[in-house]
Structure formats: C-alpha cells, structure tokens
Amino acid sequence: MADATAVPAEQPRKYPRGAFKRAAGMLALASVLAALCAAAVFAFVARADFLTGAAGALSRFLFDHAWLAVAAAVSPIFAALLVGFGYMQRGIARRAAMKAAAAARGLPLPPRRT
C-alpha cells in the first residue's frame, strides 16, 4: 500500500525546496514553546503552597454538595453526547435529502455506509 502512494523519483516536487525546512523549524519552535509552558506549569504547581487553603475550601464545598461534584464530573460526557446527537441529526437530514433527490431523479438509492 505504501508503494502506491510513493512519489517516483523522476516526478517533480510539488513543494518548494525550503518548505520542509520551514515546517521542521516551526515544529521545533512549537516543541520548545510547549516544553517551556509545561515547565512553567510544573514550577508553578511545585511552588504553589499558597493554593492549599483555596483547594481545601473547594474540596470541603464539593464534599458538602456531592450533586455539584457529580454534575461537574459528568458534564464533559453530556457535552460529548450533545455534540454526537447534533452530528447524528445532520447525518439523518443529509440521508433524507439524498433519498429525496434520488427519488426525484428516478435513480436507485446510494448504498448505505456502515
């Protein structure tokens, strides 16, 4: 399969010669920036003893109101389900439009992808 997508040596390049160097430079710069941000977050958390009181107050509040902690924990799941429901509705509408267009032209329905 890899041979089918390989570019033969005699075929001219689609990209300018400096494009790969630029892309590698941008990747290196982004990697260095990400490493610096990760180090800054690590250093902040390692030295953030002043947050102990606020974290303790927040945990006591969440233990007193367990329903709020559960809602905060499952909210990403509900958000993902809502997005999935939206995509499902869009797919259903697209399939209905394809059926209507095929029926209007008198063509057979396209095969269903699974």
PDB file of N, CA and C in Angstrom:
ATOM      1  N   MET A   1       0.824  -1.191   0.000  1.00  0.00           N
ATOM      2  CA  MET A   1       0.000   0.000   0.000  1.00  0.00           C
ATOM      3  C   MET A   1       0.870   1.257   0.000  1.00  0.00           C
ATOM      4  N   ALA A   2       1.999   1.207   0.700  1.00  0.00           N
ATOM      5  CA  ALA A   2       2.870   2.376   0.753  1.00  0.00           C
ATOM      6  C   ALA A   2       3.477   2.667  -0.617  1.00  0.00           C
ATOM      7  N   ASP A   3       3.709   1.621  -1.419  1.00  0.00           N
ATOM      8  CA  ASP A   3       4.283   1.839  -2.743  1.00  0.00           C
ATOM      9  C   ASP A   3       3.317   2.564  -3.667  1.00  0.00           C
ATOM     10  N   ALA A   4       2.008   2.378  -3.436  1.00  0.00           N
ATOM     11  CA  ALA A   4       1.012   3.007  -4.297  1.00  0.00           C
ATOM     12  C   ALA A   4       0.959   4.511  -4.085  1.00  0.00           C
ATOM     13  N   THR A   5       1.328   4.964  -2.898  1.00  0.00           N
ATOM     14  CA  THR A   5       1.261   6.394  -2.616  1.00  0.00           C
ATOM     15  C   THR A   5       2.621   7.072  -2.713  1.00  0.00           C
ATOM     16  N   ALA A   6       3.691   6.327  -2.941  1.00  0.00           N
ATOM     17  CA  ALA A   6       5.025   6.914  -3.022  1.00  0.00           C
ATOM     18  C   ALA A   6       5.164   7.714  -4.314  1.00  0.00           C
ATOM     19  N   VAL A   7       5.915   8.794  -4.248  1.00  0.00           N
ATOM     20  CA  VAL A   7       6.160   9.636  -5.408  1.00  0.00           C
ATOM     21  C   VAL A   7       7.409   9.122  -6.110  1.00  0.00           C
ATOM     22  N   PRO A   8       7.326   8.824  -7.415  1.00  0.00           N
ATOM     23  CA  PRO A   8       8.522   8.361  -8.129  1.00  0.00           C
ATOM     24  C   PRO A   8       9.605   9.439  -8.160  1.00  0.00           C
ATOM     25  N   ALA A   9      10.858   8.992  -8.274  1.00  0.00           N
ATOM     26  CA  ALA A   9      11.990   9.924  -8.229  1.00  0.00           C
ATOM     27  C   ALA A   9      11.995  10.863  -9.427  1.00  0.00           C
ATOM     28  N   GLU A  10      11.493  10.421 -10.575  1.00  0.00           N
ATOM     29  CA  GLU A  10      11.534  11.272 -11.765  1.00  0.00           C
ATOM     30  C   GLU A  10      10.440  12.345 -11.770  1.00  0.00           C
ATOM     31  N   GLN A  11       9.448  12.217 -10.891  1.00  0.00           N
ATOM     32  CA  GLN A  11       8.364  13.201 -10.847  1.00  0.00           C
ATOM     33  C   GLN A  11       8.838  14.451 -10.106  1.00  0.00           C
ATOM     34  N   PRO A  12       8.540  15.634 -10.628  1.00  0.00           N
ATOM     35  CA  PRO A  12       8.991  16.856  -9.955  1.00  0.00           C
ATOM     36  C   PRO A  12       8.279  17.048  -8.613  1.00  0.00           C
ATOM     37  N   ARG A  13       8.946  17.771  -7.722  1.00  0.00           N
ATOM     38  CA  ARG A  13       8.383  18.041  -6.397  1.00  0.00           C
ATOM     39  C   ARG A  13       7.211  19.010  -6.499  1.00  0.00           C
ATOM     40  N   LYS A  14       6.239  18.808  -5.612  1.00  0.00           N
ATOM     41  CA  LYS A  14       5.102  19.722  -5.570  1.00  0.00           C
ATOM     42  C   LYS A  14       5.371  20.902  -4.643  1.00  0.00           C
ATOM     43  N   TYR A  15       6.319  20.749  -3.737  1.00  0.00           N
ATOM     44  CA  TYR A  15       6.590  21.777  -2.748  1.00  0.00           C
ATOM     45  C   TYR A  15       7.939  22.419  -3.042  1.00  0.00           C
ATOM     46  N   PRO A  16       8.082  23.693  -2.721  1.00  0.00           N
ATOM     47  CA  PRO A  16       9.391  24.333  -2.891  1.00  0.00           C
ATOM     48  C   PRO A  16      10.432  23.684  -1.979  1.00  0.00           C
ATOM     49  N   ARG A  17      11.689  23.836  -2.306  1.00  0.00           N
ATOM     50  CA  ARG A  17      12.761  23.178  -1.559  1.00  0.00           C
ATOM     51  C   ARG A  17      12.808  23.596  -0.091  1.00  0.00           C
ATOM     52  N   GLY A  18      12.522  24.829   0.217  1.00  0.00           N
ATOM     53  CA  GLY A  18      12.624  25.299   1.595  1.00  0.00           C
ATOM     54  C   GLY A  18      11.408  25.002   2.458  1.00  0.00           C
ATOM     55  N   ALA A  19      10.362  24.423   1.874  1.00  0.00           N
ATOM     56  CA  ALA A  19       9.124  24.204   2.627  1.00  0.00           C
ATOM     57  C   ALA A  19       9.328  23.220   3.767  1.00  0.00           C
ATOM     58  N   PHE A  20      10.076  22.154   3.529  1.00  0.00           N
ATOM     59  CA  PHE A  20      10.280  21.159   4.574  1.00  0.00           C
ATOM     60  C   PHE A  20      11.165  21.705   5.693  1.00  0.00           C
ATOM     61  N   LYS A  21      12.146  22.529   5.351  1.00  0.00           N
ATOM     62  CA  LYS A  21      12.985  23.141   6.384  1.00  0.00           C
ATOM     63  C   LYS A  21      12.159  24.104   7.238  1.00  0.00           C
ATOM     64  N   ARG A  22      11.291  24.876   6.581  1.00  0.00           N
ATOM     65  CA  ARG A  22      10.435  25.793   7.317  1.00  0.00           C
ATOM     66  C   ARG A  22       9.487  25.028   8.240  1.00  0.00           C
ATOM     67  N   ALA A  23       8.904  23.954   7.739  1.00  0.00           N
ATOM     68  CA  ALA A  23       7.992  23.148   8.545  1.00  0.00           C
ATOM     69  C   ALA A  23       8.723  22.530   9.732  1.00  0.00           C
ATOM     70  N   ALA A  24       9.943  22.039   9.511  1.00  0.00           N
ATOM     71  CA  ALA A  24      10.728  21.465  10.603  1.00  0.00           C
ATOM     72  C   ALA A  24      11.078  22.537  11.631  1.00  0.00           C
ATOM     73  N   GLY A  25      11.407  23.743  11.160  1.00  0.00           N
ATOM     74  CA  GLY A  25      11.701  24.834  12.082  1.00  0.00           C
ATOM     75  C   GLY A  25      10.495  25.225  12.913  1.00  0.00           C
ATOM     76  N   MET A  26       9.323  25.284  12.271  1.00  0.00           N
ATOM     77  CA  MET A  26       8.107  25.622  13.021  1.00  0.00           C
ATOM     78  C   MET A  26       7.771  24.535  14.038  1.00  0.00           C
ATOM     79  N   LEU A  27       7.981  23.275  13.658  1.00  0.00           N
ATOM     80  CA  LEU A  27       7.739  22.175  14.582  1.00  0.00           C
ATOM     81  C   LEU A  27       8.683  22.255  15.773  1.00  0.00           C
ATOM     82  N   ALA A  28       9.946  22.552  15.513  1.00  0.00           N
ATOM     83  CA  ALA A  28      10.917  22.689  16.598  1.00  0.00           C
ATOM     84  C   ALA A  28      10.552  23.845  17.516  1.00  0.00           C
ATOM     85  N   LEU A  29      10.165  24.973  16.927  1.00  0.00           N
ATOM     86  CA  LEU A  29       9.771  26.124  17.733  1.00  0.00           C
ATOM     87  C   LEU A  29       8.536  25.820  18.578  1.00  0.00           C
ATOM     88  N   ALA A  30       7.549  25.164  17.991  1.00  0.00           N
ATOM     89  CA  ALA A  30       6.355  24.803  18.742  1.00  0.00           C
ATOM     90  C   ALA A  30       6.682  23.824  19.861  1.00  0.00           C
ATOM     91  N   SER A  31       7.605  22.900  19.613  1.00  0.00           N
ATOM     92  CA  SER A  31       8.004  21.935  20.644  1.00  0.00           C
ATOM     93  C   SER A  31       8.716  22.630  21.798  1.00  0.00           C
ATOM     94  N   VAL A  32       9.589  23.565  21.480  1.00  0.00           N
ATOM     95  CA  VAL A  32      10.290  24.308  22.530  1.00  0.00           C
ATOM     96  C   VAL A  32       9.293  25.141  23.332  1.00  0.00           C
ATOM     97  N   LEU A  33       8.369  25.789  22.660  1.00  0.00           N
ATOM     98  CA  LEU A  33       7.363  26.591  23.350  1.00  0.00           C
ATOM     99  C   LEU A  33       6.494  25.713  24.262  1.00  0.00           C
ATOM    100  N   ALA A  34       6.099  24.539  23.783  1.00  0.00           N
ATOM    101  CA  ALA A  34       5.297  23.627  24.602  1.00  0.00           C
ATOM    102  C   ALA A  34       6.091  23.143  25.808  1.00  0.00           C
ATOM    103  N   ALA A  35       7.373  22.857  25.619  1.00  0.00           N
ATOM    104  CA  ALA A  35       8.207  22.416  26.739  1.00  0.00           C
ATOM    105  C   ALA A  35       8.363  23.526  27.772  1.00  0.00           C
ATOM    106  N   LEU A  36       8.528  24.760  27.318  1.00  0.00           N
ATOM    107  CA  LEU A  36       8.625  25.888  28.253  1.00  0.00           C
ATOM    108  C   LEU A  36       7.326  26.086  29.037  1.00  0.00           C
ATOM    109  N   CYS A  37       6.198  25.976  28.355  1.00  0.00           N
ATOM    110  CA  CYS A  37       4.908  26.110  29.042  1.00  0.00           C
ATOM    111  C   CYS A  37       4.710  24.992  30.051  1.00  0.00           C
ATOM    112  N   ALA A  38       5.073  23.767  29.686  1.00  0.00           N
ATOM    113  CA  ALA A  38       4.949  22.641  30.610  1.00  0.00           C
ATOM    114  C   ALA A  38       5.855  22.843  31.824  1.00  0.00           C
ATOM    115  N   ALA A  39       7.060  23.325  31.607  1.00  0.00           N
ATOM    116  CA  ALA A  39       7.976  23.580  32.723  1.00  0.00           C
ATOM    117  C   ALA A  39       7.439  24.687  33.625  1.00  0.00           C
ATOM    118  N   ALA A  40       6.846  25.713  33.033  1.00  0.00           N
ATOM    119  CA  ALA A  40       6.277  26.801  33.835  1.00  0.00           C
ATOM    120  C   ALA A  40       5.112  26.310  34.673  1.00  0.00           C
ATOM    121  N   VAL A  41       4.243  25.492  34.106  1.00  0.00           N
ATOM    122  CA  VAL A  41       3.117  24.940  34.878  1.00  0.00           C
ATOM    123  C   VAL A  41       3.638  24.052  35.992  1.00  0.00           C
ATOM    124  N   PHE A  42       4.638  23.214  35.686  1.00  0.00           N
ATOM    125  CA  PHE A  42       5.201  22.337  36.713  1.00  0.00           C
ATOM    126  C   PHE A  42       5.809  23.160  37.844  1.00  0.00           C
ATOM    127  N   ALA A  43       6.577  24.186  37.507  1.00  0.00           N
ATOM    128  CA  ALA A  43       7.199  25.024  38.527  1.00  0.00           C
ATOM    129  C   ALA A  43       6.145  25.750  39.356  1.00  0.00           C
ATOM    130  N   PHE A  44       5.077  26.214  38.704  1.00  0.00           N
ATOM    131  CA  PHE A  44       4.018  26.906  39.436  1.00  0.00           C
ATOM    132  C   PHE A  44       3.344  25.966  40.424  1.00  0.00           C
ATOM    133  N   VAL A  45       3.015  24.755  39.978  1.00  0.00           N
ATOM    134  CA  VAL A  45       2.343  23.803  40.865  1.00  0.00           C
ATOM    135  C   VAL A  45       3.280  23.354  41.977  1.00  0.00           C
ATOM    136  N   ALA A  46       4.559  23.185  41.674  1.00  0.00           N
ATOM    137  CA  ALA A  46       5.511  22.750  42.699  1.00  0.00           C
ATOM    138  C   ALA A  46       5.697  23.808  43.779  1.00  0.00           C
ATOM    139  N   ARG A  47       5.587  25.083  43.419  1.00  0.00           N
ATOM    140  CA  ARG A  47       5.800  26.177  44.382  1.00  0.00           C
ATOM    141  C   ARG A  47       4.499  26.829  44.844  1.00  0.00           C
ATOM    142  N   ALA A  48       3.357  26.261  44.535  1.00  0.00           N
ATOM    143  CA  ALA A  48       2.076  26.920  44.805  1.00  0.00           C
ATOM    144  C   ALA A  48       1.490  26.490  46.147  1.00  0.00           C
ATOM    145  N   ASP A  49       2.250  26.609  47.212  1.00  0.00           N
ATOM    146  CA  ASP A  49       1.731  26.267  48.534  1.00  0.00           C
ATOM    147  C   ASP A  49       0.615  27.207  48.970  1.00  0.00           C
ATOM    148  N   PHE A  50       0.578  28.395  48.411  1.00  0.00           N
ATOM    149  CA  PHE A  50      -0.463  29.357  48.773  1.00  0.00           C
ATOM    150  C   PHE A  50      -1.846  28.913  48.298  1.00  0.00           C
ATOM    151  N   LEU A  51      -1.913  27.947  47.383  1.00  0.00           N
ATOM    152  CA  LEU A  51      -3.206  27.466  46.898  1.00  0.00           C
ATOM    153  C   LEU A  51      -3.811  26.378  47.782  1.00  0.00           C
ATOM    154  N   THR A  52      -3.071  25.927  48.810  1.00  0.00           N
ATOM    155  CA  THR A  52      -3.549  24.836  49.651  1.00  0.00           C
ATOM    156  C   THR A  52      -4.839  25.206  50.363  1.00  0.00           C
ATOM    157  N   GLY A  53      -4.939  26.401  50.855  1.00  0.00           N
ATOM    158  CA  GLY A  53      -6.163  26.833  51.545  1.00  0.00           C
ATOM    159  C   GLY A  53      -7.355  26.876  50.607  1.00  0.00           C
ATOM    160  N   ALA A  54      -7.154  27.422  49.412  1.00  0.00           N
ATOM    161  CA  ALA A  54      -8.249  27.506  48.444  1.00  0.00           C
ATOM    162  C   ALA A  54      -8.657  26.114  47.980  1.00  0.00           C
ATOM    163  N   ALA A  55      -7.700  25.231  47.759  1.00  0.00           N
ATOM    164  CA  ALA A  55      -8.027  23.872  47.340  1.00  0.00           C
ATOM    165  C   ALA A  55      -8.770  23.136  48.446  1.00  0.00           C
ATOM    166  N   GLY A  56      -8.365  23.344  49.693  1.00  0.00           N
ATOM    167  CA  GLY A  56      -9.065  22.722  50.819  1.00  0.00           C
ATOM    168  C   GLY A  56     -10.494  23.223  50.932  1.00  0.00           C
ATOM    169  N   ALA A  57     -10.701  24.523  50.759  1.00  0.00           N
ATOM    170  CA  ALA A  57     -12.057  25.086  50.823  1.00  0.00           C
ATOM    171  C   ALA A  57     -12.922  24.548  49.685  1.00  0.00           C
ATOM    172  N   LEU A  58     -12.350  24.444  48.504  1.00  0.00           N
ATOM    173  CA  LEU A  58     -13.101  23.917  47.372  1.00  0.00           C
ATOM    174  C   LEU A  58     -13.475  22.458  47.590  1.00  0.00           C
ATOM    175  N   SER A  59     -12.533  21.650  48.098  1.00  0.00           N
ATOM    176  CA  SER A  59     -12.845  20.238  48.326  1.00  0.00           C
ATOM    177  C   SER A  59     -13.892  20.082  49.424  1.00  0.00           C
ATOM    178  N   ARG A  60     -13.823  20.880  50.485  1.00  0.00           N
ATOM    179  CA  ARG A  60     -14.863  20.816  51.530  1.00  0.00           C
ATOM    180  C   ARG A  60     -16.226  21.192  50.963  1.00  0.00           C
ATOM    181  N   PHE A  61     -16.270  22.215  50.114  1.00  0.00           N
ATOM    182  CA  PHE A  61     -17.535  22.624  49.499  1.00  0.00           C
ATOM    183  C   PHE A  61     -18.103  21.508  48.624  1.00  0.00           C
ATOM    184  N   LEU A  62     -17.237  20.878  47.813  1.00  0.00           N
ATOM    185  CA  LEU A  62     -17.706  19.809  46.933  1.00  0.00           C
ATOM    186  C   LEU A  62     -18.127  18.574  47.721  1.00  0.00           C
ATOM    187  N   PHE A  63     -17.455  18.280  48.848  1.00  0.00           N
ATOM    188  CA  PHE A  63     -17.890  17.151  49.675  1.00  0.00           C
ATOM    189  C   PHE A  63     -19.221  17.442  50.358  1.00  0.00           C
ATOM    190  N   ASP A  64     -19.481  18.706  50.664  1.00  0.00           N
ATOM    191  CA  ASP A  64     -20.775  19.082  51.261  1.00  0.00           C
ATOM    192  C   ASP A  64     -21.890  19.065  50.229  1.00  0.00           C
ATOM    193  N   HIS A  65     -21.588  19.320  48.972  1.00  0.00           N
ATOM    194  CA  HIS A  65     -22.577  19.344  47.888  1.00  0.00           C
ATOM    195  C   HIS A  65     -22.169  18.310  46.834  1.00  0.00           C
ATOM    196  N   ALA A  66     -22.415  17.058  47.137  1.00  0.00           N
ATOM    197  CA  ALA A  66     -21.955  15.967  46.271  1.00  0.00           C
ATOM    198  C   ALA A  66     -22.598  16.033  44.888  1.00  0.00           C
ATOM    199  N   TRP A  67     -23.841  16.499  44.801  1.00  0.00           N
ATOM    200  CA  TRP A  67     -24.507  16.563  43.492  1.00  0.00           C
ATOM    201  C   TRP A  67     -23.770  17.509  42.555  1.00  0.00           C
ATOM    202  N   LEU A  68     -23.186  18.562  43.105  1.00  0.00           N
ATOM    203  CA  LEU A  68     -22.445  19.508  42.281  1.00  0.00           C
ATOM    204  C   LEU A  68     -21.148  18.877  41.762  1.00  0.00           C
ATOM    205  N   ALA A  69     -20.503  18.083  42.609  1.00  0.00           N
ATOM    206  CA  ALA A  69     -19.287  17.393  42.176  1.00  0.00           C
ATOM    207  C   ALA A  69     -19.608  16.377  41.086  1.00  0.00           C
ATOM    208  N   VAL A  70     -20.715  15.662  41.241  1.00  0.00           N
ATOM    209  CA  VAL A  70     -21.112  14.683  40.226  1.00  0.00           C
ATOM    210  C   VAL A  70     -21.452  15.402  38.918  1.00  0.00           C
ATOM    211  N   ALA A  71     -22.159  16.519  38.987  1.00  0.00           N
ATOM    212  CA  ALA A  71     -22.503  17.277  37.778  1.00  0.00           C
ATOM    213  C   ALA A  71     -21.245  17.785  37.075  1.00  0.00           C
ATOM    214  N   ALA A  72     -20.259  18.239  37.846  1.00  0.00           N
ATOM    215  CA  ALA A  72     -19.013  18.705  37.246  1.00  0.00           C
ATOM    216  C   ALA A  72     -18.252  17.550  36.603  1.00  0.00           C
ATOM    217  N   ALA A  73     -18.360  16.353  37.191  1.00  0.00           N
ATOM    218  CA  ALA A  73     -17.638  15.204  36.651  1.00  0.00           C
ATOM    219  C   ALA A  73     -18.268  14.683  35.369  1.00  0.00           C
ATOM    220  N   VAL A  74     -19.600  14.731  35.261  1.00  0.00           N
ATOM    221  CA  VAL A  74     -20.264  14.152  34.089  1.00  0.00           C
ATOM    222  C   VAL A  74     -20.560  15.188  33.007  1.00  0.00           C
ATOM    223  N   SER A  75     -20.294  16.450  33.242  1.00  0.00           N
ATOM    224  CA  SER A  75     -20.609  17.454  32.233  1.00  0.00           C
ATOM    225  C   SER A  75     -19.861  17.242  30.911  1.00  0.00           C
ATOM    226  N   PRO A  76     -18.591  16.798  30.901  1.00  0.00           N
ATOM    227  CA  PRO A  76     -17.959  16.519  29.606  1.00  0.00           C
ATOM    228  C   PRO A  76     -18.645  15.378  28.859  1.00  0.00           C
ATOM    229  N   ILE A  77     -19.161  14.404  29.597  1.00  0.00           N
ATOM    230  CA  ILE A  77     -19.866  13.292  28.947  1.00  0.00           C
ATOM    231  C   ILE A  77     -21.132  13.810  28.287  1.00  0.00           C
ATOM    232  N   PHE A  78     -21.884  14.633  29.003  1.00  0.00           N
ATOM    233  CA  PHE A  78     -23.104  15.184  28.423  1.00  0.00           C
ATOM    234  C   PHE A  78     -22.800  16.086  27.229  1.00  0.00           C
ATOM    235  N   ALA A  79     -21.730  16.826  27.313  1.00  0.00           N
ATOM    236  CA  ALA A  79     -21.350  17.688  26.186  1.00  0.00           C
ATOM    237  C   ALA A  79     -21.000  16.839  24.960  1.00  0.00           C
ATOM    238  N   ALA A  80     -20.271  15.754  25.172  1.00  0.00           N
ATOM    239  CA  ALA A  80     -19.917  14.881  24.050  1.00  0.00           C
ATOM    240  C   ALA A  80     -21.161  14.230  23.459  1.00  0.00           C
ATOM    241  N   LEU A  81     -22.102  13.825  24.314  1.00  0.00           N
ATOM    242  CA  LEU A  81     -23.351  13.240  23.816  1.00  0.00           C
ATOM    243  C   LEU A  81     -24.155  14.261  23.021  1.00  0.00           C
ATOM    244  N   LEU A  82     -24.168  15.502  23.479  1.00  0.00           N
ATOM    245  CA  LEU A  82     -24.904  16.553  22.770  1.00  0.00           C
ATOM    246  C   LEU A  82     -24.287  16.816  21.399  1.00  0.00           C
ATOM    247  N   VAL A  83     -22.971  16.853  21.321  1.00  0.00           N
ATOM    248  CA  VAL A  83     -22.312  17.049  20.031  1.00  0.00           C
ATOM    249  C   VAL A  83     -22.593  15.865  19.110  1.00  0.00           C
ATOM    250  N   GLY A  84     -22.512  14.658  19.651  1.00  0.00           N
ATOM    251  CA  GLY A  84     -22.813  13.474  18.859  1.00  0.00           C
ATOM    252  C   GLY A  84     -24.243  13.460  18.364  1.00  0.00           C
ATOM    253  N   PHE A  85     -25.179  13.910  19.197  1.00  0.00           N
ATOM    254  CA  PHE A  85     -26.577  13.986  18.788  1.00  0.00           C
ATOM    255  C   PHE A  85     -26.748  14.975  17.641  1.00  0.00           C
ATOM    256  N   GLY A  86     -26.035  16.104  17.706  1.00  0.00           N
ATOM    257  CA  GLY A  86     -26.098  17.085  16.623  1.00  0.00           C
ATOM    258  C   GLY A  86     -25.572  16.525  15.314  1.00  0.00           C
ATOM    259  N   TYR A  87     -24.447  15.803  15.373  1.00  0.00           N
ATOM    260  CA  TYR A  87     -23.909  15.185  14.162  1.00  0.00           C
ATOM    261  C   TYR A  87     -24.845  14.110  13.624  1.00  0.00           C
ATOM    262  N   MET A  88     -25.502  13.379  14.530  1.00  0.00           N
ATOM    263  CA  MET A  88     -26.438  12.350  14.095  1.00  0.00           C
ATOM    264  C   MET A  88     -27.613  12.987  13.352  1.00  0.00           C
ATOM    265  N   GLN A  89     -28.136  14.087  13.884  1.00  0.00           N
ATOM    266  CA  GLN A  89     -29.252  14.765  13.228  1.00  0.00           C
ATOM    267  C   GLN A  89     -28.846  15.280  11.849  1.00  0.00           C
ATOM    268  N   ARG A  90     -27.631  15.783  11.755  1.00  0.00           N
ATOM    269  CA  ARG A  90     -27.144  16.271  10.467  1.00  0.00           C
ATOM    270  C   ARG A  90     -27.025  15.130   9.463  1.00  0.00           C
ATOM    271  N   GLY A  91     -26.546  13.978   9.914  1.00  0.00           N
ATOM    272  CA  GLY A  91     -26.435  12.823   9.034  1.00  0.00           C
ATOM    273  C   GLY A  91     -27.792  12.303   8.590  1.00  0.00           C
ATOM    274  N   ILE A  92     -28.753  12.309   9.509  1.00  0.00           N
ATOM    275  CA  ILE A  92     -30.110  11.865   9.159  1.00  0.00           C
ATOM    276  C   ILE A  92     -30.707  12.806   8.118  1.00  0.00           C
ATOM    277  N   ALA A  93     -30.532  14.101   8.309  1.00  0.00           N
ATOM    278  CA  ALA A  93     -31.067  15.076   7.355  1.00  0.00           C
ATOM    279  C   ALA A  93     -30.385  14.927   5.992  1.00  0.00           C
ATOM    280  N   ARG A  94     -29.057  14.688   5.978  1.00  0.00           N
ATOM    281  CA  ARG A  94     -28.350  14.506   4.718  1.00  0.00           C
ATOM    282  C   ARG A  94     -28.829  13.256   3.991  1.00  0.00           C
ATOM    283  N   ARG A  95     -29.036  12.181   4.739  1.00  0.00           N
ATOM    284  CA  ARG A  95     -29.514  10.935   4.130  1.00  0.00           C
ATOM    285  C   ARG A  95     -30.925  11.134   3.564  1.00  0.00           C
ATOM    286  N   ALA A  96     -31.786  11.850   4.285  1.00  0.00           N
ATOM    287  CA  ALA A  96     -33.140  12.111   3.790  1.00  0.00           C
ATOM    288  C   ALA A  96     -33.093  12.963   2.518  1.00  0.00           C
ATOM    289  N   ALA A  97     -32.185  13.945   2.473  1.00  0.00           N
ATOM    290  CA  ALA A  97     -32.058  14.782   1.277  1.00  0.00           C
ATOM    291  C   ALA A  97     -31.550  13.960   0.101  1.00  0.00           C
ATOM    292  N   MET A  98     -30.624  13.026   0.349  1.00  0.00           N
ATOM    293  CA  MET A  98     -30.128  12.170  -0.724  1.00  0.00           C
ATOM    294  C   MET A  98     -31.239  11.264  -1.247  1.00  0.00           C
ATOM    295  N   LYS A  99     -32.075  10.741  -0.338  1.00  0.00           N
ATOM    296  CA  LYS A  99     -33.193   9.890  -0.765  1.00  0.00           C
ATOM    297  C   LYS A  99     -34.180  10.686  -1.602  1.00  0.00           C
ATOM    298  N   ALA A 100     -34.478  11.906  -1.153  1.00  0.00           N
ATOM    299  CA  ALA A 100     -35.436  12.735  -1.885  1.00  0.00           C
ATOM    300  C   ALA A 100     -34.891  13.097  -3.269  1.00  0.00           C
ATOM    301  N   ALA A 101     -33.600  13.430  -3.342  1.00  0.00           N
ATOM    302  CA  ALA A 101     -33.001  13.779  -4.637  1.00  0.00           C
ATOM    303  C   ALA A 101     -32.969  12.568  -5.564  1.00  0.00           C
ATOM    304  N   ALA A 102     -32.669  11.407  -5.013  1.00  0.00           N
ATOM    305  CA  ALA A 102     -32.637  10.199  -5.842  1.00  0.00           C
ATOM    306  C   ALA A 102     -34.032   9.835  -6.315  1.00  0.00           C
ATOM    307  N   ALA A 103     -35.030   9.996  -5.460  1.00  0.00           N
ATOM    308  CA  ALA A 103     -36.409   9.685  -5.842  1.00  0.00           C
ATOM    309  C   ALA A 103     -36.902  10.665  -6.898  1.00  0.00           C
ATOM    310  N   ALA A 104     -36.487  11.941  -6.788  1.00  0.00           N
ATOM    311  CA  ALA A 104     -36.923  12.944  -7.758  1.00  0.00           C
ATOM    312  C   ALA A 104     -36.322  12.671  -9.141  1.00  0.00           C
ATOM    313  N   ARG A 105     -35.118  12.131  -9.185  1.00  0.00           N
ATOM    314  CA  ARG A 105     -34.467  11.828 -10.457  1.00  0.00           C
ATOM    315  C   ARG A 105     -34.782  10.420 -10.953  1.00  0.00           C
ATOM    316  N   GLY A 106     -35.451   9.628 -10.113  1.00  0.00           N
ATOM    317  CA  GLY A 106     -35.782   8.262 -10.501  1.00  0.00           C
ATOM    318  C   GLY A 106     -34.589   7.327 -10.454  1.00  0.00           C
ATOM    319  N   LEU A 107     -33.593   7.644  -9.651  1.00  0.00           N
ATOM    320  CA  LEU A 107     -32.388   6.830  -9.534  1.00  0.00           C
ATOM    321  C   LEU A 107     -32.501   5.903  -8.328  1.00  0.00           C
ATOM    322  N   PRO A 108     -31.749   4.818  -8.343  1.00  0.00           N
ATOM    323  CA  PRO A 108     -31.726   3.973  -7.138  1.00  0.00           C
ATOM    324  C   PRO A 108     -30.993   4.678  -6.011  1.00  0.00           C
ATOM    325  N   LEU A 109     -31.286   4.293  -4.792  1.00  0.00           N
ATOM    326  CA  LEU A 109     -30.639   4.901  -3.639  1.00  0.00           C
ATOM    327  C   LEU A 109     -29.173   4.490  -3.575  1.00  0.00           C
ATOM    328  N   PRO A 110     -28.316   5.396  -3.112  1.00  0.00           N
ATOM    329  CA  PRO A 110     -26.910   5.037  -2.960  1.00  0.00           C
ATOM    330  C   PRO A 110     -26.765   4.002  -1.841  1.00  0.00           C
ATOM    331  N   PRO A 111     -25.715   3.184  -1.894  1.00  0.00           N
ATOM    332  CA  PRO A 111     -25.539   2.166  -0.839  1.00  0.00           C
ATOM    333  C   PRO A 111     -25.270   2.821   0.498  1.00  0.00           C
ATOM    334  N   ARG A 112     -25.746   2.193   1.546  1.00  0.00           N
ATOM    335  CA  ARG A 112     -25.587   2.727   2.891  1.00  0.00           C
ATOM    336  C   ARG A 112     -24.216   2.329   3.434  1.00  0.00           C
ATOM    337  N   ARG A 113     -23.495   3.314   3.966  1.00  0.00           N
ATOM    338  CA  ARG A 113     -22.192   3.040   4.574  1.00  0.00           C
ATOM    339  C   ARG A 113     -22.416   2.596   6.011  1.00  0.00           C
ATOM    340  N   THR A 114     -21.623   1.629   6.431  1.00  0.00           N
ATOM    341  CA  THR A 114     -21.742   1.155   7.815  1.00  0.00           C
ATOM    342  C   THR A 114     -20.483   1.392   8.577  1.00  0.00           C
TER     343      THR A 114
END
